[in-house]
Amino acid sequence: MDRRKFIASVGGAAAFAAMSAGDKADALEHAMAQELDSIVVKPGLCTTYGIDQKPIERGRKRDKFFMMGHDPRLPRMSDKPTLIEFYKKRFGSVQHMLQSARLAKLNGLPETTVLACLLHDISVGGLIRSDHGYWGSQLVAPYVTEEITWAIKYHQSLRFYADEEVGYAYPEAYIRYFGEDFVPADYVANDAAYAKNHKWYMTARQITINDVYSFDPNVSVEIEDFEDIIGRHFKQPEEGLGYDNSPSAHMWRSMIFPNNFL
C-alpha cells in the first residue's frame, strides 16, 4: 500500500517513529486488510459464511450481473500464470514470506528450505488463513518436493511449541494475539508431536525459526531475489498455474478469479 497513506493512518511520522517494531507490523497488517476490503468483496467463506450478506430479493429484476471471469478491480493475470506473477498480483503478506526466505538464505540453509520459507504462508497470502499449513501444503504439492510439502504442512503446528535446543522460543507475538492462556487444539498438539519425531522435522522447524513476526522497515526484499531458486526447485507448469489439471489447479484458479459467483 502507499507508504504516505499508511503513515497518515497511524497518526503521522512522529507517531510512527515512536511505535515498536511489533506495533508497526500490527498496524500495517490492519491497514492492508482494510485496504483489501475496500478493493474486493470477500467470498462468504472469508467473512461469516454469508450471514452478513444482503438477502436476495425474489421477483425483482436484477440490474447487474454477478461477477464471473476477470475482476476489473484486480490486476489481470496472464493466460499462463507463474508463481512470481501470483506474488505480484494476488498475494498479500508478501513481505513476511520474502523476509522469512531472505533470513533462511542468510543463515546458509539449503535452497529447498529457503523455498519452503518463501512458500510457507502462501495460503494466508492468497487463499485462506485458517489451517493455512494444510491448505498451503496442498496448494504447492504438485510443484515441489515431498519434503517441502510436508514442512509447510507441519510448520503450522510446530510454531506453537518451543524447542530451545534448536533456538526456537514460543513467539511473544502469539501472547499478544491469542492471550497468555491460549492452548492449541488437540489436532495441532497431535501433529506437532508426530512431526517432532519425523525425519523432516528440522525442515519444518527451520520454517518456524526463520519466521518473522515483525517486518524490518529498513529491508526491502523482492520476489525476483529468489527467481533462480524458484526456477531450480518449483516445477512451473507449461500451461500456467491453474490450467495444468493438477490436483490443486482449482485452488490457483480461485485466486485468479476470487470473486466469481460460481
Protein backbone atom coordinates (compact mmCIF):
# COMPACT_ATOMS: atom_id res chain seq x y z
CA MET A 1 0.00 0.00 0.00
CA ASP A 2 1.02 3.65 -0.31
CA ARG A 3 3.57 4.48 2.43
CA ARG A 4 2.35 8.05 2.97
CA LYS A 5 -1.22 6.86 3.31
CA PHE A 6 -0.19 4.24 5.85
CA ILE A 7 1.87 6.65 7.98
CA ALA A 8 -1.01 9.12 7.98
CA SER A 9 -3.36 6.35 9.17
CA VAL A 10 -1.28 5.81 12.36
CA GLY A 11 -1.10 9.50 13.26
CA GLY A 12 1.83 10.78 11.22
CA ALA A 13 5.58 10.31 11.03
CA ALA A 14 6.24 11.15 14.69
CA ALA A 15 3.70 8.65 15.95
CA PHE A 16 5.04 6.01 13.56
CA ALA A 17 8.63 6.55 14.74
CA ALA A 18 7.57 6.11 18.37
CA MET A 19 5.92 2.75 17.72
CA SER A 20 7.68 -0.53 18.47
CA ALA A 21 8.52 -2.87 15.59
CA GLY A 22 5.67 -5.16 16.66
CA ASP A 23 3.15 -2.33 16.79
CA LYS A 24 4.26 -1.19 13.35
CA ALA A 25 3.75 -4.68 11.96
CA ASP A 26 0.31 -4.97 13.56
CA ALA A 27 -0.71 -1.55 12.27
CA LEU A 28 0.49 -2.37 8.77
CA GLU A 29 -1.37 -5.69 8.71
CA HIS A 30 -4.54 -3.93 9.87
CA ALA A 31 -4.16 -1.17 7.29
CA MET A 32 -3.51 -3.66 4.50
CA ALA A 33 -6.57 -5.68 5.46
CA GLN A 34 -8.73 -2.56 5.42
CA GLU A 35 -7.35 -1.56 2.03
CA LEU A 36 -8.06 -5.01 0.63
CA ASP A 37 -11.62 -4.86 1.93
CA SER A 38 -12.09 -1.60 0.04
CA ILE A 39 -10.84 -3.15 -3.21
CA VAL A 40 -12.56 -6.52 -3.40
CA VAL A 41 -15.62 -8.14 -1.93
CA LYS A 42 -14.61 -11.23 0.00
CA PRO A 43 -16.39 -14.53 -0.63
CA GLY A 44 -18.73 -15.66 2.14
CA LEU A 45 -16.23 -18.26 3.38
CA CYS A 46 -13.78 -15.48 4.20
CA THR A 47 -16.31 -13.48 6.21
CA THR A 48 -19.15 -15.19 8.09
CA TYR A 49 -20.47 -17.79 5.67
CA GLY A 50 -22.71 -15.22 4.04
CA ILE A 51 -24.59 -14.29 7.21
CA ASP A 52 -23.65 -10.63 6.82
CA GLN A 53 -24.55 -10.50 3.13
CA LYS A 54 -27.70 -8.85 1.86
CA PRO A 55 -30.52 -11.32 1.20
CA ILE A 56 -31.57 -11.94 -2.40
CA GLU A 57 -34.85 -10.21 -3.22
CA ARG A 58 -37.07 -12.68 -5.05
CA GLY A 59 -39.06 -11.50 -8.03
CA ARG A 60 -37.03 -8.33 -8.56
CA LYS A 61 -35.38 -7.88 -11.93
CA ARG A 62 -31.65 -7.79 -11.46
CA ASP A 63 -29.97 -4.70 -12.89
CA LYS A 64 -26.42 -6.07 -12.56
CA PHE A 65 -24.77 -9.36 -13.42
CA PHE A 66 -22.93 -11.48 -10.89
CA MET A 67 -19.15 -11.45 -11.16
CA MET A 68 -17.75 -14.10 -13.49
CA GLY A 69 -14.27 -14.01 -15.00
CA HIS A 70 -11.64 -11.33 -14.57
CA ASP A 71 -12.36 -8.79 -11.85
CA PRO A 72 -11.57 -5.30 -13.20
CA ARG A 73 -10.62 -4.18 -9.69
CA LEU A 74 -7.68 -6.60 -9.63
CA PRO A 75 -4.51 -6.79 -11.77
CA ARG A 76 -5.25 -9.06 -14.70
CA MET A 77 -3.39 -12.36 -14.65
CA SER A 78 -1.73 -13.66 -17.81
CA ASP A 79 -3.01 -16.65 -19.77
CA LYS A 80 -0.23 -18.79 -18.27
CA PRO A 81 0.28 -17.51 -14.71
CA THR A 82 3.58 -18.13 -12.94
CA LEU A 83 4.37 -18.33 -9.24
CA ILE A 84 6.14 -14.97 -9.39
CA GLU A 85 3.08 -13.44 -11.03
CA PHE A 86 0.91 -14.59 -8.12
CA TYR A 87 3.32 -12.93 -5.68
CA LYS A 88 2.99 -9.68 -7.60
CA LYS A 89 -0.72 -9.67 -8.42
CA ARG A 90 -2.59 -11.78 -5.89
CA PHE A 91 -0.75 -12.47 -2.63
CA GLY A 92 -0.98 -10.26 0.41
CA SER A 93 1.53 -10.65 3.31
CA VAL A 94 4.26 -10.90 0.68
CA GLN A 95 6.99 -9.14 2.67
CA HIS A 96 6.51 -11.59 5.52
CA MET A 97 7.28 -14.56 3.28
CA LEU A 98 10.05 -12.73 1.42
CA GLN A 99 11.79 -11.69 4.61
CA SER A 100 11.48 -15.21 6.03
CA ALA A 101 13.12 -16.63 2.90
CA ARG A 102 15.81 -13.93 3.00
CA LEU A 103 16.64 -14.81 6.61
CA ALA A 104 16.84 -18.51 5.76
CA LYS A 105 19.18 -17.71 2.88
CA LEU A 106 21.40 -15.54 5.09
CA ASN A 107 21.54 -18.40 7.61
CA GLY A 108 23.02 -20.63 4.92
CA LEU A 109 20.14 -23.09 4.70
CA PRO A 110 19.65 -25.34 1.65
CA GLU A 111 17.78 -23.82 -1.28
CA THR A 112 14.85 -26.19 -0.75
CA THR A 113 14.46 -24.90 2.81
CA VAL A 114 14.67 -21.32 1.58
CA LEU A 115 11.87 -22.13 -0.88
CA ALA A 116 9.83 -23.70 1.92
CA CYS A 117 10.18 -20.46 3.90
CA LEU A 118 9.20 -18.46 0.82
CA LEU A 119 6.04 -20.55 0.38
CA HIS A 120 5.11 -21.32 3.98
CA ASP A 121 2.27 -18.76 4.31
CA ILE A 122 1.17 -18.90 0.69
CA SER A 123 -2.39 -19.79 1.69
CA VAL A 124 -2.63 -16.83 4.07
CA GLY A 125 -1.42 -14.55 1.30
CA GLY A 126 -3.84 -15.64 -1.38
CA LEU A 127 -6.47 -18.15 -0.33
CA ILE A 128 -7.46 -18.77 3.28
CA ARG A 129 -5.94 -18.12 6.72
CA SER A 130 -7.48 -20.93 8.77
CA ASP A 131 -5.35 -24.12 8.78
CA HIS A 132 -3.05 -22.38 6.34
CA GLY A 133 -0.32 -25.01 6.67
CA TYR A 134 -2.62 -27.71 5.36
CA TRP A 135 -4.06 -25.55 2.59
CA GLY A 136 -0.66 -24.25 1.56
CA SER A 137 0.81 -27.73 1.52
CA GLN A 138 -1.88 -29.00 -0.83
CA LEU A 139 -1.58 -25.89 -2.98
CA VAL A 140 2.09 -26.43 -3.82
CA ALA A 141 2.29 -30.24 -3.59
CA PRO A 142 2.31 -30.88 -7.38
CA TYR A 143 5.18 -28.46 -7.91
CA VAL A 144 7.72 -29.03 -5.12
CA THR A 145 9.38 -31.94 -3.35
CA GLU A 146 7.53 -34.04 -0.81
CA GLU A 147 9.82 -32.67 1.90
CA ILE A 148 8.85 -29.06 1.18
CA THR A 149 5.17 -30.04 1.08
CA TRP A 150 5.49 -31.81 4.43
CA ALA A 151 7.39 -28.97 6.06
CA ILE A 152 4.80 -26.37 5.05
CA LYS A 153 2.01 -28.52 6.47
CA TYR A 154 3.62 -29.18 9.84
CA HIS A 155 5.15 -25.77 10.48
CA GLN A 156 1.60 -24.69 11.39
CA SER A 157 1.58 -26.95 14.46
CA LEU A 158 5.25 -26.71 15.39
CA ARG A 159 5.18 -22.92 15.66
CA PHE A 160 3.09 -23.23 18.85
CA TYR A 161 5.73 -25.35 20.61
CA ALA A 162 9.15 -24.16 21.68
CA ASP A 163 12.32 -26.13 21.03
CA GLU A 164 15.05 -24.30 22.89
CA GLU A 165 17.69 -26.84 21.81
CA VAL A 166 17.47 -25.60 18.23
CA GLY A 167 16.84 -21.96 19.12
CA TYR A 168 13.07 -21.67 18.82
CA ALA A 169 11.12 -19.98 21.61
CA TYR A 170 7.36 -19.51 21.77
CA PRO A 171 6.71 -16.23 19.91
CA GLU A 172 5.88 -13.28 22.13
CA ALA A 173 3.59 -12.11 19.34
CA TYR A 174 1.32 -15.10 19.99
CA ILE A 175 0.79 -13.95 23.56
CA ARG A 176 -0.40 -10.62 22.20
CA TYR A 177 -2.51 -12.24 19.50
CA PHE A 178 -4.15 -15.08 21.44
CA GLY A 179 -3.63 -14.34 25.13
CA GLU A 180 -1.45 -15.96 27.80
CA ASP A 181 -3.90 -18.81 28.42
CA PHE A 182 -4.24 -19.94 24.82
CA VAL A 183 -3.97 -23.70 24.30
CA PRO A 184 -3.83 -25.10 20.74
CA ALA A 185 -6.48 -27.60 19.62
CA ASP A 186 -5.84 -31.31 20.06
CA TYR A 187 -5.15 -31.91 16.38
CA VAL A 188 -2.45 -29.21 16.49
CA ALA A 189 -0.81 -30.82 19.51
CA ASN A 190 -1.00 -34.28 17.94
CA ASP A 191 0.51 -33.10 14.68
CA ALA A 192 3.34 -31.33 16.49
CA ALA A 193 4.15 -34.48 18.47
CA TYR A 194 4.16 -36.53 15.27
CA ALA A 195 6.33 -34.02 13.44
CA LYS A 196 8.87 -33.88 16.28
CA ASN A 197 9.89 -37.47 15.54
CA HIS A 198 9.79 -37.27 11.75
CA LYS A 199 12.87 -37.37 9.50
CA TRP A 200 11.96 -33.94 8.09
CA TYR A 201 11.35 -32.32 11.46
CA MET A 202 14.18 -29.83 11.11
CA THR A 203 12.97 -28.65 7.72
CA ALA A 204 9.60 -27.70 9.18
CA ARG A 205 11.27 -26.37 12.33
CA GLN A 206 13.54 -24.14 10.23
CA ILE A 207 10.42 -22.51 8.81
CA THR A 208 9.39 -21.53 12.34
CA ILE A 209 12.94 -20.46 13.26
CA ASN A 210 13.20 -18.22 10.22
CA ASP A 211 9.66 -16.92 10.51
CA VAL A 212 9.46 -13.19 11.15
CA TYR A 213 6.76 -11.67 13.31
CA SER A 214 7.81 -8.07 12.73
CA PHE A 215 8.79 -6.57 9.42
CA ASP A 216 12.15 -4.84 9.19
CA PRO A 217 11.30 -1.45 7.67
CA ASN A 218 14.91 -0.99 6.60
CA VAL A 219 14.96 -4.14 4.45
CA SER A 220 13.33 -4.36 1.06
CA VAL A 221 13.01 -7.83 -0.46
CA GLU A 222 11.66 -8.58 -3.92
CA ILE A 223 10.36 -11.87 -5.28
CA GLU A 224 12.92 -11.57 -8.08
CA ASP A 225 15.62 -12.11 -5.43
CA PHE A 226 14.53 -15.76 -5.41
CA GLU A 227 13.94 -16.22 -9.13
CA ASP A 228 16.85 -18.65 -9.52
CA ILE A 229 15.79 -20.77 -6.53
CA ILE A 230 12.21 -20.88 -7.82
CA GLY A 231 13.47 -21.87 -11.25
CA ARG A 232 15.52 -24.75 -9.83
CA HIS A 233 13.04 -26.11 -7.29
CA PHE A 234 9.50 -25.10 -8.30
CA LYS A 235 8.02 -27.07 -11.23
CA GLN A 236 6.26 -24.29 -13.09
CA PRO A 237 3.64 -25.94 -15.38
CA GLU A 238 3.84 -25.03 -19.04
CA GLU A 239 0.09 -24.42 -19.14
CA GLY A 240 0.28 -21.97 -16.23
CA LEU A 241 -0.75 -22.41 -12.60
CA GLY A 242 -4.48 -23.09 -12.53
CA TYR A 243 -4.67 -24.54 -16.03
CA ASP A 244 -2.49 -27.67 -15.76
CA ASN A 245 -5.19 -30.02 -14.42
CA SER A 246 -3.17 -30.76 -11.29
CA PRO A 247 -4.94 -31.79 -8.04
CA SER A 248 -4.62 -28.18 -6.81
CA ALA A 249 -5.27 -26.33 -10.10
CA HIS A 250 -8.72 -25.27 -8.87
CA MET A 251 -7.12 -23.57 -5.86
CA TRP A 252 -4.93 -21.44 -8.10
CA ARG A 253 -7.94 -20.59 -10.28
CA SER A 254 -9.80 -19.48 -7.16
CA MET A 255 -7.07 -16.90 -6.63
CA ILE A 256 -7.10 -15.83 -10.27
CA PHE A 257 -10.87 -15.30 -10.11
CA PRO A 258 -11.51 -14.77 -6.37
CA ASN A 259 -14.92 -13.14 -6.78
CA ASN A 260 -16.57 -15.47 -9.27
CA PHE A 261 -20.19 -16.10 -8.29
CA LEU A 262 -19.89 -19.81 -9.15
